[in-house]
Amino acid sequence: MAGIWKVEMMWTSGPTRADNAAVTIDSGSSTSDLVINQLLNGTVWNDLGEYSFDLSGASVMIDDSNSTSGQNIIANAVRFTFVSANPGAPTDVPAPGTLLVLLGAAAAVFRLRRK
């Protein structure tokens, strides 16, 4: 569903985690590049921001190309929580909800698609 979505990510921290994990959020009409220190804030939901996703879908991509040799990048889960409809969008949208995507891989793309 198009609208404003809050994006959060969870990882386990540890001494071998990257302090510069590259995360790209593609809302369908724009992209945002983030750098995350995974040495900190492990096993809690970390707020990556709110994004206006359109009907073409969305993705969260984790890239290990920035990481130093011996550092690991991980995403245990990514959570998308519906905040509101975009201005001018239809008002007959379902009640706000959450889509949780679980992952145990080091690098992946998470996609949110319209049903």
Protein backbone atom coordinates (compact mmCIF):
# COMPACT_ATOMS: atom_id res chain seq x y z
CA MET A 1 0.00 0.00 0.00
CA ALA A 2 1.34 3.41 -0.88
CA GLY A 3 1.88 5.76 2.02
CA ILE A 4 4.25 6.76 4.76
CA TRP A 5 6.02 3.78 6.37
CA LYS A 6 8.39 3.66 9.33
CA VAL A 7 11.38 1.39 8.65
CA GLU A 8 13.29 -0.30 11.48
CA MET A 9 16.08 -2.86 11.50
CA MET A 10 17.35 -5.27 14.14
CA TRP A 11 20.78 -6.92 14.32
CA THR A 12 22.96 -8.61 16.89
CA SER A 13 25.95 -6.54 17.90
CA GLY A 14 29.38 -7.98 18.55
CA PRO A 15 33.08 -7.17 18.28
CA THR A 16 33.28 -8.37 14.66
CA ARG A 17 30.30 -6.34 13.39
CA ALA A 18 30.86 -3.51 10.91
CA ASP A 19 30.81 0.07 12.12
CA ASN A 20 29.91 1.26 8.61
CA ALA A 21 27.19 -1.02 7.22
CA ALA A 22 25.72 0.55 4.08
CA VAL A 23 21.91 0.47 3.89
CA THR A 24 19.92 1.83 0.95
CA ILE A 25 16.18 2.42 1.25
CA ASP A 26 14.39 2.69 -2.09
CA SER A 27 10.87 4.08 -1.74
CA GLY A 28 10.01 3.59 -5.40
CA SER A 29 10.49 7.25 -6.27
CA SER A 30 13.67 8.09 -4.33
CA THR A 31 16.52 6.45 -2.46
CA SER A 32 18.15 7.16 0.88
CA ASP A 33 21.63 5.94 1.77
CA LEU A 34 22.46 5.29 5.42
CA VAL A 35 25.62 4.16 7.23
CA ILE A 36 24.93 2.09 10.35
CA ASN A 37 27.27 1.20 13.20
CA GLN A 38 26.36 -2.40 14.03
CA LEU A 39 28.76 -2.46 16.98
CA LEU A 40 25.99 -0.63 18.85
CA ASN A 41 22.29 -1.14 19.64
CA GLY A 42 22.10 -4.87 19.05
CA THR A 43 18.89 -6.88 19.59
CA VAL A 44 16.66 -3.78 19.63
CA TRP A 45 14.62 -2.15 16.87
CA ASN A 46 16.68 0.66 15.34
CA ASP A 47 14.69 3.42 13.63
CA LEU A 48 15.88 4.05 10.06
CA GLY A 49 13.28 6.76 9.42
CA GLU A 50 9.91 7.27 7.74
CA TYR A 51 9.62 7.02 3.97
CA SER A 52 6.91 7.71 1.40
CA PHE A 53 6.56 4.45 -0.54
CA ASP A 54 4.70 4.40 -3.83
CA LEU A 55 2.84 1.52 -5.48
CA SER A 56 5.89 0.31 -7.40
CA GLY A 57 7.19 -1.28 -4.21
CA ALA A 58 10.06 -0.65 -1.88
CA SER A 59 13.32 -2.23 -0.87
CA VAL A 60 15.88 -2.13 1.88
CA MET A 61 19.30 -3.25 0.68
CA ILE A 62 22.24 -4.05 2.95
CA ASP A 63 25.63 -3.83 1.26
CA ASP A 64 28.92 -5.09 2.66
CA SER A 65 31.15 -3.30 0.13
CA ASN A 66 32.07 -0.62 2.74
CA SER A 67 33.05 -3.06 5.46
CA THR A 68 36.63 -3.66 6.46
CA SER A 69 38.06 -7.16 6.16
CA GLY A 70 37.01 -9.21 9.18
CA GLN A 71 33.88 -7.15 9.86
CA ASN A 72 30.47 -8.75 9.44
CA ILE A 73 27.18 -7.13 8.47
CA ILE A 74 23.93 -8.71 9.57
CA ALA A 75 20.21 -7.99 9.62
CA ASN A 76 18.10 -10.25 11.80
CA ALA A 77 14.90 -8.48 10.75
CA VAL A 78 13.48 -5.42 9.03
CA ARG A 79 10.11 -4.04 10.12
CA PHE A 80 7.81 -1.81 8.04
CA THR A 81 5.06 -0.07 10.03
CA PHE A 82 2.32 1.85 8.20
CA VAL A 83 2.09 5.43 9.51
CA SER A 84 -0.35 7.21 7.17
CA ALA A 85 -1.59 7.57 3.63
CA ASN A 86 0.22 10.00 1.37
CA PRO A 87 -1.48 13.38 1.02
CA GLY A 88 -4.06 13.14 -1.74
CA ALA A 89 -4.21 9.34 -1.52
CA PRO A 90 -7.53 7.54 -1.04
CA THR A 91 -8.76 7.68 2.54
CA ASP A 92 -10.30 4.20 2.56
CA VAL A 93 -7.05 2.49 3.55
CA PRO A 94 -6.90 -0.34 6.07
CA ALA A 95 -6.00 0.38 9.68
CA PRO A 96 -2.28 0.92 10.32
CA GLY A 97 -0.33 -2.28 10.64
CA THR A 98 3.13 -3.74 10.60
CA LEU A 99 4.92 -5.96 8.14
CA LEU A 100 7.87 -7.81 9.65
CA VAL A 101 10.51 -9.36 7.44
CA LEU A 102 12.91 -11.79 9.11
CA LEU A 103 16.29 -12.62 7.69
CA GLY A 104 19.36 -14.48 8.81
CA ALA A 105 21.70 -13.56 5.96
CA ALA A 106 24.53 -11.04 5.87
CA ALA A 107 23.46 -9.19 2.73
CA ALA A 108 19.97 -9.12 1.29
CA VAL A 109 17.19 -7.13 -0.30
CA PHE A 110 13.86 -6.83 1.49
CA ARG A 111 10.93 -5.97 -0.72
CA LEU A 112 7.54 -4.63 0.26
CA ARG A 113 5.03 -5.24 -2.52
CA ARG A 114 1.38 -4.52 -2.99
CA LYS A 115 -0.86 -7.59 -2.80
